[in-house]
N, C-alpha and C. Protein backbone atom coordinates (compact mmCIF):
# COMPACT_ATOMS: atom_id res chain seq x y z
N MET A 1 35.28 -48.78 -98.40
CA MET A 1 35.76 -49.14 -99.71
C MET A 1 37.19 -49.62 -99.64
N ALA A 2 37.61 -49.97 -98.48
CA ALA A 2 38.98 -50.43 -98.30
C ALA A 2 39.22 -51.70 -99.10
N GLY A 3 40.40 -51.79 -99.68
CA GLY A 3 40.79 -53.03 -100.30
C GLY A 3 40.69 -53.08 -101.81
N ASN A 4 39.91 -52.25 -102.44
CA ASN A 4 39.81 -52.30 -103.89
C ASN A 4 40.38 -51.02 -104.49
N THR A 5 41.67 -51.05 -104.76
CA THR A 5 42.34 -49.84 -105.22
C THR A 5 41.87 -49.40 -106.60
N ALA A 6 41.46 -50.31 -107.45
CA ALA A 6 40.96 -49.93 -108.78
C ALA A 6 39.68 -49.10 -108.64
N TRP A 7 38.79 -49.51 -107.76
CA TRP A 7 37.56 -48.75 -107.55
C TRP A 7 37.88 -47.40 -106.93
N THR A 8 38.81 -47.38 -105.99
CA THR A 8 39.19 -46.13 -105.35
C THR A 8 39.74 -45.15 -106.38
N ARG A 9 40.64 -45.61 -107.24
CA ARG A 9 41.19 -44.73 -108.28
C ARG A 9 40.09 -44.23 -109.21
N ALA A 10 39.12 -45.08 -109.51
CA ALA A 10 38.05 -44.70 -110.44
C ALA A 10 37.15 -43.60 -109.86
N VAL A 11 36.87 -43.65 -108.58
CA VAL A 11 35.97 -42.66 -107.98
C VAL A 11 36.70 -41.48 -107.35
N LEU A 12 38.02 -41.52 -107.34
CA LEU A 12 38.79 -40.47 -106.67
C LEU A 12 38.49 -39.07 -107.21
N PRO A 13 38.45 -38.85 -108.53
CA PRO A 13 38.13 -37.49 -109.00
C PRO A 13 36.76 -37.01 -108.52
N LEU A 14 35.77 -37.89 -108.54
CA LEU A 14 34.43 -37.53 -108.06
C LEU A 14 34.48 -37.16 -106.58
N CYS A 15 35.17 -37.95 -105.79
CA CYS A 15 35.28 -37.68 -104.36
C CYS A 15 36.03 -36.38 -104.09
N LEU A 16 37.10 -36.13 -104.82
CA LEU A 16 37.86 -34.89 -104.64
C LEU A 16 37.01 -33.67 -104.97
N LEU A 17 36.28 -33.75 -106.07
CA LEU A 17 35.40 -32.63 -106.43
C LEU A 17 34.32 -32.42 -105.37
N GLY A 18 33.78 -33.50 -104.85
CA GLY A 18 32.77 -33.40 -103.79
C GLY A 18 33.33 -32.75 -102.54
N LEU A 19 34.54 -33.13 -102.15
CA LEU A 19 35.17 -32.53 -100.98
C LEU A 19 35.43 -31.04 -101.20
N LEU A 20 35.98 -30.71 -102.36
CA LEU A 20 36.29 -29.31 -102.63
C LEU A 20 35.03 -28.47 -102.75
N ASP A 21 33.97 -29.04 -103.27
CA ASP A 21 32.70 -28.32 -103.35
C ASP A 21 32.17 -28.04 -101.94
N ALA A 22 32.29 -29.02 -101.06
CA ALA A 22 31.79 -28.87 -99.69
C ALA A 22 32.66 -27.94 -98.85
N GLU A 23 33.98 -28.00 -99.05
CA GLU A 23 34.90 -27.27 -98.19
C GLU A 23 35.36 -25.94 -98.76
N GLY A 24 35.14 -25.71 -100.03
CA GLY A 24 35.59 -24.48 -100.65
C GLY A 24 36.98 -24.58 -101.21
N GLU A 25 37.93 -24.98 -100.39
CA GLU A 25 39.30 -25.19 -100.84
C GLU A 25 40.01 -26.06 -99.82
N SER A 26 41.09 -26.68 -100.26
CA SER A 26 41.87 -27.51 -99.36
C SER A 26 43.22 -27.79 -100.00
N TYR A 27 44.10 -28.44 -99.25
CA TYR A 27 45.41 -28.83 -99.76
C TYR A 27 45.52 -30.35 -99.67
N GLY A 28 46.52 -30.89 -100.35
CA GLY A 28 46.64 -32.33 -100.53
C GLY A 28 46.59 -33.16 -99.27
N TYR A 29 47.41 -32.81 -98.27
CA TYR A 29 47.46 -33.62 -97.06
C TYR A 29 46.11 -33.64 -96.34
N ALA A 30 45.44 -32.50 -96.32
CA ALA A 30 44.11 -32.44 -95.69
C ALA A 30 43.11 -33.29 -96.47
N LEU A 31 43.20 -33.26 -97.80
CA LEU A 31 42.31 -34.09 -98.62
C LEU A 31 42.54 -35.57 -98.36
N LEU A 32 43.81 -35.98 -98.21
CA LEU A 32 44.11 -37.37 -97.88
C LEU A 32 43.44 -37.76 -96.56
N GLY A 33 43.51 -36.87 -95.59
CA GLY A 33 42.88 -37.14 -94.30
C GLY A 33 41.38 -37.28 -94.41
N ARG A 34 40.74 -36.39 -95.17
CA ARG A 34 39.29 -36.45 -95.35
C ARG A 34 38.87 -37.74 -96.05
N LEU A 35 39.63 -38.13 -97.07
CA LEU A 35 39.32 -39.38 -97.78
C LEU A 35 39.43 -40.57 -96.83
N GLY A 36 40.48 -40.58 -96.03
CA GLY A 36 40.66 -41.66 -95.05
C GLY A 36 39.55 -41.68 -94.02
N ASP A 37 39.18 -40.49 -93.52
CA ASP A 37 38.09 -40.39 -92.53
C ASP A 37 36.78 -40.94 -93.09
N ALA A 38 36.58 -40.78 -94.40
CA ALA A 38 35.35 -41.25 -95.04
C ALA A 38 35.39 -42.75 -95.32
N GLY A 39 36.57 -43.36 -95.12
CA GLY A 39 36.70 -44.80 -95.35
C GLY A 39 37.20 -45.15 -96.74
N LEU A 40 37.58 -44.15 -97.52
CA LEU A 40 38.09 -44.39 -98.87
C LEU A 40 39.61 -44.57 -98.76
N THR A 41 39.98 -45.79 -98.47
CA THR A 41 41.41 -46.08 -98.28
C THR A 41 41.79 -47.31 -99.06
N PRO A 42 43.00 -47.55 -99.34
CA PRO A 42 44.11 -46.64 -99.07
C PRO A 42 44.32 -45.70 -100.24
N VAL A 43 44.36 -44.42 -99.99
CA VAL A 43 44.72 -43.44 -101.01
C VAL A 43 46.09 -42.90 -100.62
N LYS A 44 47.02 -43.02 -101.51
CA LYS A 44 48.38 -42.56 -101.26
C LYS A 44 48.61 -41.25 -102.01
N ALA A 45 49.61 -40.51 -101.56
CA ALA A 45 49.97 -39.26 -102.22
C ALA A 45 50.30 -39.49 -103.69
N ALA A 46 50.90 -40.63 -104.01
CA ALA A 46 51.26 -40.95 -105.39
C ALA A 46 50.04 -41.16 -106.28
N THR A 47 48.89 -41.37 -105.68
CA THR A 47 47.63 -41.48 -106.41
C THR A 47 46.88 -40.15 -106.39
N LEU A 48 46.91 -39.48 -105.24
CA LEU A 48 46.16 -38.24 -105.06
C LEU A 48 46.65 -37.11 -105.97
N TYR A 49 47.95 -36.85 -105.94
CA TYR A 49 48.45 -35.67 -106.66
C TYR A 49 48.32 -35.77 -108.18
N PRO A 50 48.52 -36.92 -108.80
CA PRO A 50 48.24 -37.01 -110.24
C PRO A 50 46.75 -36.78 -110.55
N ALA A 51 45.85 -37.25 -109.67
CA ALA A 51 44.41 -37.03 -109.88
C ALA A 51 44.10 -35.54 -109.79
N LEU A 52 44.69 -34.85 -108.83
CA LEU A 52 44.49 -33.40 -108.72
C LEU A 52 45.07 -32.67 -109.92
N ALA A 53 46.22 -33.12 -110.41
CA ALA A 53 46.84 -32.49 -111.59
C ALA A 53 45.95 -32.67 -112.82
N ARG A 54 45.34 -33.84 -112.98
CA ARG A 54 44.43 -34.06 -114.11
C ARG A 54 43.21 -33.17 -114.00
N LEU A 55 42.68 -33.02 -112.79
CA LEU A 55 41.53 -32.13 -112.59
C LEU A 55 41.91 -30.69 -112.91
N GLU A 56 43.13 -30.30 -112.57
CA GLU A 56 43.59 -28.96 -112.89
C GLU A 56 43.72 -28.78 -114.41
N GLU A 57 44.31 -29.77 -115.09
CA GLU A 57 44.46 -29.71 -116.55
C GLU A 57 43.11 -29.60 -117.24
N GLU A 58 42.10 -30.27 -116.70
CA GLU A 58 40.75 -30.24 -117.27
C GLU A 58 40.01 -28.94 -116.95
N GLY A 59 40.54 -28.14 -116.04
CA GLY A 59 39.87 -26.91 -115.64
C GLY A 59 38.83 -27.11 -114.56
N ALA A 60 38.83 -28.28 -113.92
CA ALA A 60 37.85 -28.58 -112.88
C ALA A 60 38.25 -27.99 -111.53
N VAL A 61 39.55 -27.79 -111.35
CA VAL A 61 40.05 -27.15 -110.13
C VAL A 61 41.08 -26.10 -110.52
N GLU A 62 41.24 -25.13 -109.64
CA GLU A 62 42.31 -24.16 -109.81
C GLU A 62 43.22 -24.27 -108.60
N VAL A 63 44.48 -23.91 -108.80
CA VAL A 63 45.50 -24.10 -107.78
C VAL A 63 46.12 -22.76 -107.41
N GLU A 64 46.38 -22.61 -106.13
CA GLU A 64 47.06 -21.41 -105.64
C GLU A 64 48.14 -21.84 -104.64
N TRP A 65 49.36 -21.40 -104.89
CA TRP A 65 50.46 -21.64 -103.95
C TRP A 65 50.38 -20.60 -102.85
N ARG A 66 50.55 -21.06 -101.60
CA ARG A 66 50.58 -20.14 -100.46
C ARG A 66 51.78 -20.47 -99.59
N ALA A 67 52.36 -19.45 -99.01
CA ALA A 67 53.48 -19.64 -98.10
C ALA A 67 52.99 -20.39 -96.86
N GLY A 68 53.85 -21.25 -96.34
CA GLY A 68 53.51 -21.99 -95.13
C GLY A 68 53.81 -21.18 -93.88
N ASP A 69 53.20 -21.55 -92.79
CA ASP A 69 53.46 -20.90 -91.50
C ASP A 69 54.71 -21.52 -90.89
N GLY A 70 55.86 -20.99 -91.25
CA GLY A 70 57.12 -21.51 -90.72
C GLY A 70 57.61 -22.76 -91.42
N GLY A 71 56.91 -23.21 -92.42
CA GLY A 71 57.30 -24.40 -93.16
C GLY A 71 57.18 -24.16 -94.65
N PRO A 72 57.23 -25.23 -95.41
CA PRO A 72 57.13 -25.06 -96.86
C PRO A 72 55.74 -24.60 -97.29
N GLY A 73 55.66 -24.01 -98.47
CA GLY A 73 54.39 -23.57 -99.01
C GLY A 73 53.50 -24.76 -99.35
N ARG A 74 52.24 -24.46 -99.58
CA ARG A 74 51.26 -25.50 -99.94
C ARG A 74 50.50 -25.06 -101.16
N LYS A 75 50.08 -26.07 -101.92
CA LYS A 75 49.16 -25.85 -103.03
C LYS A 75 47.75 -26.02 -102.49
N TYR A 76 46.94 -24.99 -102.67
CA TYR A 76 45.54 -25.08 -102.30
C TYR A 76 44.71 -25.28 -103.56
N TYR A 77 43.75 -26.19 -103.48
CA TYR A 77 42.89 -26.54 -104.61
C TYR A 77 41.49 -26.01 -104.35
N ARG A 78 40.88 -25.46 -105.40
CA ARG A 78 39.53 -24.90 -105.32
C ARG A 78 38.76 -25.35 -106.56
N ILE A 79 37.53 -25.77 -106.37
CA ILE A 79 36.70 -26.22 -107.48
C ILE A 79 36.28 -25.01 -108.33
N THR A 80 36.18 -25.21 -109.63
CA THR A 80 35.75 -24.16 -110.56
C THR A 80 34.31 -24.43 -111.00
N ALA A 81 33.76 -23.52 -111.79
CA ALA A 81 32.42 -23.73 -112.34
C ALA A 81 32.40 -24.99 -113.21
N ALA A 82 33.46 -25.20 -113.99
CA ALA A 82 33.54 -26.41 -114.81
C ALA A 82 33.62 -27.65 -113.92
N GLY A 83 34.30 -27.53 -112.79
CA GLY A 83 34.38 -28.64 -111.85
C GLY A 83 33.03 -28.97 -111.24
N ARG A 84 32.26 -27.93 -110.94
CA ARG A 84 30.91 -28.16 -110.40
C ARG A 84 30.01 -28.83 -111.43
N ALA A 85 30.15 -28.43 -112.68
CA ALA A 85 29.36 -29.07 -113.74
C ALA A 85 29.75 -30.54 -113.87
N ARG A 86 31.05 -30.81 -113.81
CA ARG A 86 31.51 -32.21 -113.87
C ARG A 86 31.01 -32.97 -112.65
N LEU A 87 31.09 -32.36 -111.48
CA LEU A 87 30.62 -33.00 -110.25
C LEU A 87 29.14 -33.37 -110.37
N ASP A 88 28.32 -32.46 -110.86
CA ASP A 88 26.89 -32.74 -111.01
C ASP A 88 26.65 -33.92 -111.95
N GLY A 89 27.33 -33.91 -113.09
CA GLY A 89 27.16 -35.00 -114.06
C GLY A 89 27.68 -36.33 -113.55
N ASP A 90 28.87 -36.30 -112.95
CA ASP A 90 29.46 -37.54 -112.46
C ASP A 90 28.68 -38.09 -111.27
N ALA A 91 28.17 -37.21 -110.41
CA ALA A 91 27.39 -37.67 -109.26
C ALA A 91 26.10 -38.35 -109.73
N ALA A 92 25.45 -37.78 -110.74
CA ALA A 92 24.23 -38.40 -111.28
C ALA A 92 24.55 -39.76 -111.89
N ALA A 93 25.66 -39.84 -112.62
CA ALA A 93 26.06 -41.12 -113.22
C ALA A 93 26.39 -42.14 -112.13
N TRP A 94 27.10 -41.70 -111.09
CA TRP A 94 27.46 -42.60 -109.99
C TRP A 94 26.20 -43.12 -109.29
N ASN A 95 25.26 -42.22 -109.01
CA ASN A 95 24.03 -42.64 -108.33
C ASN A 95 23.25 -43.64 -109.16
N GLY A 96 23.19 -43.43 -110.47
CA GLY A 96 22.52 -44.39 -111.35
C GLY A 96 23.22 -45.74 -111.35
N LEU A 97 24.54 -45.73 -111.42
CA LEU A 97 25.31 -46.97 -111.39
C LEU A 97 25.12 -47.70 -110.06
N ALA A 98 25.18 -46.95 -108.97
CA ALA A 98 25.02 -47.57 -107.65
C ALA A 98 23.65 -48.22 -107.51
N ARG A 99 22.60 -47.55 -108.00
CA ARG A 99 21.25 -48.14 -107.95
C ARG A 99 21.18 -49.42 -108.77
N ALA A 100 21.77 -49.39 -109.97
CA ALA A 100 21.73 -50.58 -110.84
C ALA A 100 22.47 -51.75 -110.21
N VAL A 101 23.66 -51.49 -109.67
CA VAL A 101 24.44 -52.55 -109.04
C VAL A 101 23.72 -53.09 -107.82
N SER A 102 23.16 -52.19 -107.00
CA SER A 102 22.42 -52.63 -105.82
C SER A 102 21.24 -53.50 -106.19
N ALA A 103 20.54 -53.14 -107.26
CA ALA A 103 19.40 -53.94 -107.70
C ALA A 103 19.84 -55.32 -108.16
N LEU A 104 20.99 -55.39 -108.81
CA LEU A 104 21.48 -56.68 -109.28
C LEU A 104 22.01 -57.55 -108.15
N LEU A 105 22.56 -56.94 -107.13
CA LEU A 105 23.12 -57.71 -106.02
C LEU A 105 22.06 -58.13 -105.02
N GLY A 106 20.97 -57.39 -104.95
CA GLY A 106 19.95 -57.71 -103.96
C GLY A 106 20.46 -57.40 -102.57
N ASP A 107 19.82 -57.95 -101.58
CA ASP A 107 20.20 -57.72 -100.19
C ASP A 107 21.22 -58.77 -99.79
N ARG A 108 22.48 -58.48 -99.99
CA ARG A 108 23.56 -59.45 -99.72
C ARG A 108 23.79 -59.67 -98.23
N ASP A 109 23.39 -58.75 -97.37
CA ASP A 109 23.60 -58.91 -95.94
C ASP A 109 22.56 -59.83 -95.31
N ALA A 110 21.36 -59.89 -95.88
CA ALA A 110 20.30 -60.72 -95.32
C ALA A 110 20.63 -62.19 -95.56
N GLY A 111 20.42 -63.00 -94.55
CA GLY A 111 20.61 -64.43 -94.69
C GLY A 111 22.06 -64.86 -94.62
N ALA A 112 22.97 -63.99 -94.33
CA ALA A 112 24.40 -64.32 -94.16
C ALA A 112 24.91 -65.27 -95.24
N GLY A 113 24.80 -64.85 -96.48
CA GLY A 113 25.39 -65.63 -97.56
C GLY A 113 24.41 -66.49 -98.33
N GLU A 114 23.16 -66.55 -97.92
CA GLU A 114 22.19 -67.33 -98.66
C GLU A 114 21.89 -66.66 -100.00
N ALA A 115 21.65 -67.44 -101.01
CA ALA A 115 21.28 -66.92 -102.31
C ALA A 115 19.85 -66.39 -102.23
N PRO A 116 19.56 -65.27 -102.91
CA PRO A 116 18.18 -64.74 -102.91
C PRO A 116 17.20 -65.78 -103.42
N GLY A 117 16.05 -65.85 -102.75
CA GLY A 117 15.00 -66.75 -103.20
C GLY A 117 15.17 -68.19 -102.72
N ARG A 118 16.14 -68.44 -101.87
CA ARG A 118 16.34 -69.82 -101.35
C ARG A 118 15.94 -69.92 -99.91
């Protein structure tokens, strides 16, 4: 998904909730790494932390400060029951949207640029 920052910002809350659901808890820098590993780039800290703050305000995640090992403390994020409910709803909506868009686009890789039906 590299290159389209508007799409990345739009799906970032869904992706963050999915990561936190899978991992249990994490902190910002680790989440940035996971997003990058998945190919969701470029996500910058200036985009990540406001998204996490909005999820916290909505009650989708809870935050815990922990002392660092010889360094500064970290905020750890954990998904809540409300976050799981949002994740379930948003994932279903995303899957429906992805199916609809895929159906409209057809097989774009076949024929190296040929229009469908030609």
